Amino acid sequence: MAEIYLAFYKGTGPSFYDRMVDGAIRLFTKGEYSHVELAVKKDVTREDGSVATVYECYSSSPRDGGVRVKEISVDNPEQWLLCKLNFTDEEKIKAYYEKTKGKKYDLRGALGVVLGFRQKKNRYFCSEWCFNALEDSEDGWRFSPNHLEAVFRNADLFADISNRHDNV
């Protein structure tokens, strides 16, 4: 069975615009994370025969326009906090992805976590999408990446919560 993580982004984006958005999210949500992914750890064989560990990441991203899956290097502890999950599987995540793939990013909903706006039912922001995928719910609109990390940490839903900051 594949290892699955919540990957919380604490880095800075490549462009000035990305850095501004990341900073604004952190400021308004009063935390160190500006984005979250569901990361499925996989060992793949490359064309040259070497084996590499990759992370297949699922989320909704403003940089990518909405719900998508892509390979992201989330193993840099200066940019990402990886929290291993002990209660879900890859098939559940893929099923939710198939149901929502291509849906647009919900900027209004992301702002609404702080400012009280209602989210759009057919759009998703990152922490909303991740919560919904994990909990088979539509209540993820309530959580910023920082709220999501606190909820799962306090509910003891990480496999190794006592050592989860070792990579920081």
C-alpha atoms as a PDB file:
ATOM      1  CA  MET A   1       0.000   0.000   0.000  1.00  0.00           C
ATOM      2  CA  ALA A   2       1.289   3.471  -0.911  1.00  0.00           C
ATOM      3  CA  GLU A   3       2.239   5.920   1.812  1.00  0.00           C
ATOM      4  CA  ILE A   4       0.018   9.017   1.819  1.00  0.00           C
ATOM      5  CA  TYR A   5       0.876  12.391   3.292  1.00  0.00           C
ATOM      6  CA  LEU A   6      -0.634  15.780   3.791  1.00  0.00           C
ATOM      7  CA  ALA A   7       2.081  18.052   2.406  1.00  0.00           C
ATOM      8  CA  PHE A   8       1.879  21.596   3.785  1.00  0.00           C
ATOM      9  CA  TYR A   9       3.705  24.271   1.768  1.00  0.00           C
ATOM     10  CA  LYS A  10       5.760  26.817   3.664  1.00  0.00           C
ATOM     11  CA  GLY A  11       8.118  27.846   0.867  1.00  0.00           C
ATOM     12  CA  THR A  12       8.021  30.843  -1.415  1.00  0.00           C
ATOM     13  CA  GLY A  13       6.831  30.726  -4.992  1.00  0.00           C
ATOM     14  CA  PRO A  14       9.049  31.372  -8.000  1.00  0.00           C
ATOM     15  CA  SER A  15       7.422  34.627  -9.108  1.00  0.00           C
ATOM     16  CA  PHE A  16       6.728  37.896  -7.305  1.00  0.00           C
ATOM     17  CA  TYR A  17       2.985  37.264  -7.709  1.00  0.00           C
ATOM     18  CA  ASP A  18       3.286  33.764  -6.178  1.00  0.00           C
ATOM     19  CA  ARG A  19       5.268  35.127  -3.224  1.00  0.00           C
ATOM     20  CA  MET A  20       2.637  37.824  -2.653  1.00  0.00           C
ATOM     21  CA  VAL A  21      -0.218  35.279  -2.730  1.00  0.00           C
ATOM     22  CA  ASP A  22       1.649  32.899  -0.400  1.00  0.00           C
ATOM     23  CA  GLY A  23       2.399  35.761   1.992  1.00  0.00           C
ATOM     24  CA  ALA A  24      -1.194  37.005   1.985  1.00  0.00           C
ATOM     25  CA  ILE A  25      -2.554  33.525   2.732  1.00  0.00           C
ATOM     26  CA  ARG A  26      -0.131  33.120   5.638  1.00  0.00           C
ATOM     27  CA  LEU A  27      -0.924  36.582   6.979  1.00  0.00           C
ATOM     28  CA  PHE A  28      -4.708  36.225   6.844  1.00  0.00           C
ATOM     29  CA  THR A  29      -4.801  32.646   8.132  1.00  0.00           C
ATOM     30  CA  LYS A  30      -2.228  33.412  10.840  1.00  0.00           C
ATOM     31  CA  GLY A  31       0.036  30.470  10.130  1.00  0.00           C
ATOM     32  CA  GLU A  32       3.101  29.302   8.275  1.00  0.00           C
ATOM     33  CA  TYR A  33       1.387  27.313   5.491  1.00  0.00           C
ATOM     34  CA  SER A  34      -0.007  28.746   2.273  1.00  0.00           C
ATOM     35  CA  HIS A  35      -0.972  25.536   0.449  1.00  0.00           C
ATOM     36  CA  VAL A  36      -1.625  21.829   1.021  1.00  0.00           C
ATOM     37  CA  GLU A  37      -1.442  18.727  -1.172  1.00  0.00           C
ATOM     38  CA  LEU A  38      -2.372  15.090  -0.731  1.00  0.00           C
ATOM     39  CA  ALA A  39       0.911  13.408  -1.675  1.00  0.00           C
ATOM     40  CA  VAL A  40       1.100   9.721  -2.615  1.00  0.00           C
ATOM     41  CA  LYS A  41       4.660   8.412  -2.286  1.00  0.00           C
ATOM     42  CA  LYS A  42       5.715   6.062  -5.084  1.00  0.00           C
ATOM     43  CA  ASP A  43       8.865   4.345  -6.272  1.00  0.00           C
ATOM     44  CA  VAL A  44       9.089   4.487 -10.062  1.00  0.00           C
ATOM     45  CA  THR A  45      11.562   3.048 -12.525  1.00  0.00           C
ATOM     46  CA  ARG A  46      13.017   5.706 -14.801  1.00  0.00           C
ATOM     47  CA  GLU A  47      13.945   5.156 -18.463  1.00  0.00           C
ATOM     48  CA  ASP A  48      17.582   4.618 -17.487  1.00  0.00           C
ATOM     49  CA  GLY A  49      16.562   1.788 -15.130  1.00  0.00           C
ATOM     50  CA  SER A  50      17.127   3.740 -11.925  1.00  0.00           C
ATOM     51  CA  VAL A  51      14.469   3.754  -9.236  1.00  0.00           C
ATOM     52  CA  ALA A  52      13.315   7.102  -7.881  1.00  0.00           C
ATOM     53  CA  THR A  53      10.900   8.117  -5.158  1.00  0.00           C
ATOM     54  CA  VAL A  54       8.275  10.547  -6.421  1.00  0.00           C
ATOM     55  CA  TYR A  55       5.194  12.149  -4.944  1.00  0.00           C
ATOM     56  CA  GLU A  56       2.000  12.158  -6.984  1.00  0.00           C
ATOM     57  CA  CYS A  57       0.236  15.218  -5.598  1.00  0.00           C
ATOM     58  CA  TYR A  58      -3.490  15.918  -5.655  1.00  0.00           C
ATOM     59  CA  SER A  59      -5.034  19.285  -4.816  1.00  0.00           C
ATOM     60  CA  SER A  60      -6.621  22.415  -6.210  1.00  0.00           C
ATOM     61  CA  SER A  61      -4.062  25.059  -7.040  1.00  0.00           C
ATOM     62  CA  PRO A  62      -4.402  28.668  -8.178  1.00  0.00           C
ATOM     63  CA  ARG A  63      -1.109  28.288 -10.070  1.00  0.00           C
ATOM     64  CA  ASP A  64      -2.566  25.393 -12.074  1.00  0.00           C
ATOM     65  CA  GLY A  65      -6.102  26.788 -12.347  1.00  0.00           C
ATOM     66  CA  GLY A  66      -7.907  24.261 -10.187  1.00  0.00           C
ATOM     67  CA  VAL A  67      -8.107  20.559  -9.372  1.00  0.00           C
ATOM     68  CA  ARG A  68      -5.208  18.581 -10.790  1.00  0.00           C
ATOM     69  CA  VAL A  69      -2.695  15.834 -10.117  1.00  0.00           C
ATOM     70  CA  LYS A  70       1.009  16.244 -10.801  1.00  0.00           C
ATOM     71  CA  GLU A  71       4.402  15.112  -9.615  1.00  0.00           C
ATOM     72  CA  ILE A  72       5.865  17.566  -7.091  1.00  0.00           C
ATOM     73  CA  SER A  73       9.099  17.321  -5.139  1.00  0.00           C
ATOM     74  CA  VAL A  74       7.713  17.723  -1.614  1.00  0.00           C
ATOM     75  CA  ASP A  75      10.660  16.216   0.223  1.00  0.00           C
ATOM     76  CA  ASN A  76      12.470  19.526   0.848  1.00  0.00           C
ATOM     77  CA  PRO A  77      11.870  20.206   4.574  1.00  0.00           C
ATOM     78  CA  GLU A  78      12.574  23.916   4.121  1.00  0.00           C
ATOM     79  CA  GLN A  79       9.543  24.189   1.829  1.00  0.00           C
ATOM     80  CA  TRP A  80       7.222  21.362   2.908  1.00  0.00           C
ATOM     81  CA  LEU A  81       5.974  19.708   6.081  1.00  0.00           C
ATOM     82  CA  LEU A  82       5.038  16.080   5.378  1.00  0.00           C
ATOM     83  CA  CYS A  83       2.505  14.486   7.720  1.00  0.00           C
ATOM     84  CA  LYS A  84       1.933  10.795   7.104  1.00  0.00           C
ATOM     85  CA  LEU A  85      -1.722   9.779   7.259  1.00  0.00           C
ATOM     86  CA  ASN A  86      -2.787   6.560   8.924  1.00  0.00           C
ATOM     87  CA  PHE A  87      -6.408   6.295   7.809  1.00  0.00           C
ATOM     88  CA  THR A  88      -6.802   6.608   4.039  1.00  0.00           C
ATOM     89  CA  ASP A  89      -5.784   4.920   0.809  1.00  0.00           C
ATOM     90  CA  GLU A  90      -4.833   5.895  -2.714  1.00  0.00           C
ATOM     91  CA  GLU A  91      -8.038   4.561  -4.276  1.00  0.00           C
ATOM     92  CA  LYS A  92     -10.179   6.885  -2.164  1.00  0.00           C
ATOM     93  CA  ILE A  93      -8.111   9.907  -3.225  1.00  0.00           C
ATOM     94  CA  LYS A  94      -8.179   8.877  -6.892  1.00  0.00           C
ATOM     95  CA  ALA A  95     -11.957   8.382  -6.779  1.00  0.00           C
ATOM     96  CA  TYR A  96     -12.497  11.908  -5.439  1.00  0.00           C
ATOM     97  CA  TYR A  97     -10.044  13.263  -7.999  1.00  0.00           C
ATOM     98  CA  GLU A  98     -11.953  11.576 -10.850  1.00  0.00           C
ATOM     99  CA  LYS A  99     -15.155  13.163  -9.552  1.00  0.00           C
ATOM    100  CA  THR A 100     -13.644  16.670  -9.361  1.00  0.00           C
ATOM    101  CA  LYS A 101     -10.768  16.829 -11.877  1.00  0.00           C
ATOM    102  CA  GLY A 102     -10.672  19.978 -13.952  1.00  0.00           C
ATOM    103  CA  LYS A 103     -12.885  21.950 -11.555  1.00  0.00           C
ATOM    104  CA  LYS A 104     -11.728  25.553 -11.240  1.00  0.00           C
ATOM    105  CA  TYR A 105      -9.871  27.050  -8.285  1.00  0.00           C
ATOM    106  CA  ASP A 106     -12.158  28.799  -5.779  1.00  0.00           C
ATOM    107  CA  LEU A 107     -10.452  32.080  -4.894  1.00  0.00           C
ATOM    108  CA  ARG A 108     -13.671  33.439  -3.404  1.00  0.00           C
ATOM    109  CA  GLY A 109     -13.975  30.379  -1.164  1.00  0.00           C
ATOM    110  CA  ALA A 110     -10.328  30.606  -0.097  1.00  0.00           C
ATOM    111  CA  LEU A 111     -10.878  34.235   0.910  1.00  0.00           C
ATOM    112  CA  GLY A 112     -14.156  33.237   2.530  1.00  0.00           C
ATOM    113  CA  VAL A 113     -12.388  31.123   5.156  1.00  0.00           C
ATOM    114  CA  VAL A 114     -11.188  34.404   6.651  1.00  0.00           C
ATOM    115  CA  LEU A 115     -13.710  36.952   5.391  1.00  0.00           C
ATOM    116  CA  GLY A 116     -16.910  34.918   5.642  1.00  0.00           C
ATOM    117  CA  PHE A 117     -17.766  34.613   1.926  1.00  0.00           C
ATOM    118  CA  ARG A 118     -19.629  31.519   0.780  1.00  0.00           C
ATOM    119  CA  GLN A 119     -17.709  29.177  -1.456  1.00  0.00           C
ATOM    120  CA  LYS A 120     -18.809  28.190  -4.956  1.00  0.00           C
ATOM    121  CA  LYS A 121     -20.191  24.649  -5.017  1.00  0.00           C
ATOM    122  CA  ASN A 122     -18.401  23.590  -8.210  1.00  0.00           C
ATOM    123  CA  ARG A 123     -14.981  25.101  -7.385  1.00  0.00           C
ATOM    124  CA  TYR A 124     -12.357  24.142  -4.818  1.00  0.00           C
ATOM    125  CA  PHE A 125      -9.391  25.626  -2.976  1.00  0.00           C
ATOM    126  CA  CYS A 126      -6.545  23.422  -1.745  1.00  0.00           C
ATOM    127  CA  SER A 127      -7.455  22.644   1.865  1.00  0.00           C
ATOM    128  CA  GLU A 128     -11.139  22.306   0.979  1.00  0.00           C
ATOM    129  CA  TRP A 129     -10.318  19.727  -1.691  1.00  0.00           C
ATOM    130  CA  CYS A 130      -7.949  17.762   0.562  1.00  0.00           C
ATOM    131  CA  PHE A 131     -10.390  17.657   3.484  1.00  0.00           C
ATOM    132  CA  ASN A 132     -13.260  16.585   1.230  1.00  0.00           C
ATOM    133  CA  ALA A 133     -11.149  13.820  -0.347  1.00  0.00           C
ATOM    134  CA  LEU A 134     -10.060  12.471   3.032  1.00  0.00           C
ATOM    135  CA  GLU A 135     -13.359  12.743   4.864  1.00  0.00           C
ATOM    136  CA  ASP A 136     -15.794  12.003   2.008  1.00  0.00           C
ATOM    137  CA  SER A 137     -17.404  15.315   2.896  1.00  0.00           C
ATOM    138  CA  GLU A 138     -18.322  18.683   1.439  1.00  0.00           C
ATOM    139  CA  ASP A 139     -17.371  20.609   4.595  1.00  0.00           C
ATOM    140  CA  GLY A 140     -13.793  21.416   3.607  1.00  0.00           C
ATOM    141  CA  TRP A 141     -14.690  25.017   2.786  1.00  0.00           C
ATOM    142  CA  ARG A 142     -14.273  25.732   6.499  1.00  0.00           C
ATOM    143  CA  PHE A 143     -10.490  25.148   6.540  1.00  0.00           C
ATOM    144  CA  SER A 144      -7.374  27.035   5.485  1.00  0.00           C
ATOM    145  CA  PRO A 145      -4.156  24.992   5.159  1.00  0.00           C
ATOM    146  CA  ASN A 146      -3.254  26.138   8.687  1.00  0.00           C
ATOM    147  CA  HIS A 147      -6.662  25.163  10.096  1.00  0.00           C
ATOM    148  CA  LEU A 148      -6.445  21.772   8.381  1.00  0.00           C
ATOM    149  CA  GLU A 149      -3.025  21.032   9.870  1.00  0.00           C
ATOM    150  CA  ALA A 150      -4.263  21.964  13.362  1.00  0.00           C
ATOM    151  CA  VAL A 151      -7.461  19.895  13.065  1.00  0.00           C
ATOM    152  CA  PHE A 152      -5.637  16.747  11.970  1.00  0.00           C
ATOM    153  CA  ARG A 153      -2.801  17.245  14.480  1.00  0.00           C
ATOM    154  CA  ASN A 154      -5.227  17.762  17.381  1.00  0.00           C
ATOM    155  CA  ALA A 155      -7.355  14.794  16.339  1.00  0.00           C
ATOM    156  CA  ASP A 156      -4.195  12.624  16.321  1.00  0.00           C
ATOM    157  CA  LEU A 157      -4.776  11.583  12.703  1.00  0.00           C
ATOM    158  CA  PHE A 158      -1.130  11.580  11.683  1.00  0.00           C
ATOM    159  CA  ALA A 159       0.615   8.207  11.796  1.00  0.00           C
ATOM    160  CA  ASP A 160       3.656   9.536  13.612  1.00  0.00           C
ATOM    161  CA  ILE A 161       2.526  12.729  15.252  1.00  0.00           C
ATOM    162  CA  SER A 162       5.308  12.776  17.854  1.00  0.00           C
ATOM    163  CA  ASN A 163       7.996  12.988  15.168  1.00  0.00           C
ATOM    164  CA  ARG A 164       6.152  14.915  12.491  1.00  0.00           C
ATOM    165  CA  HIS A 165       8.415  17.973  12.796  1.00  0.00           C
ATOM    166  CA  ASP A 166      11.639  15.968  12.404  1.00  0.00           C
ATOM    167  CA  ASN A 167      11.881  17.095   8.785  1.00  0.00           C
ATOM    168  CA  VAL A 168      11.534  20.768   9.624  1.00  0.00           C
END
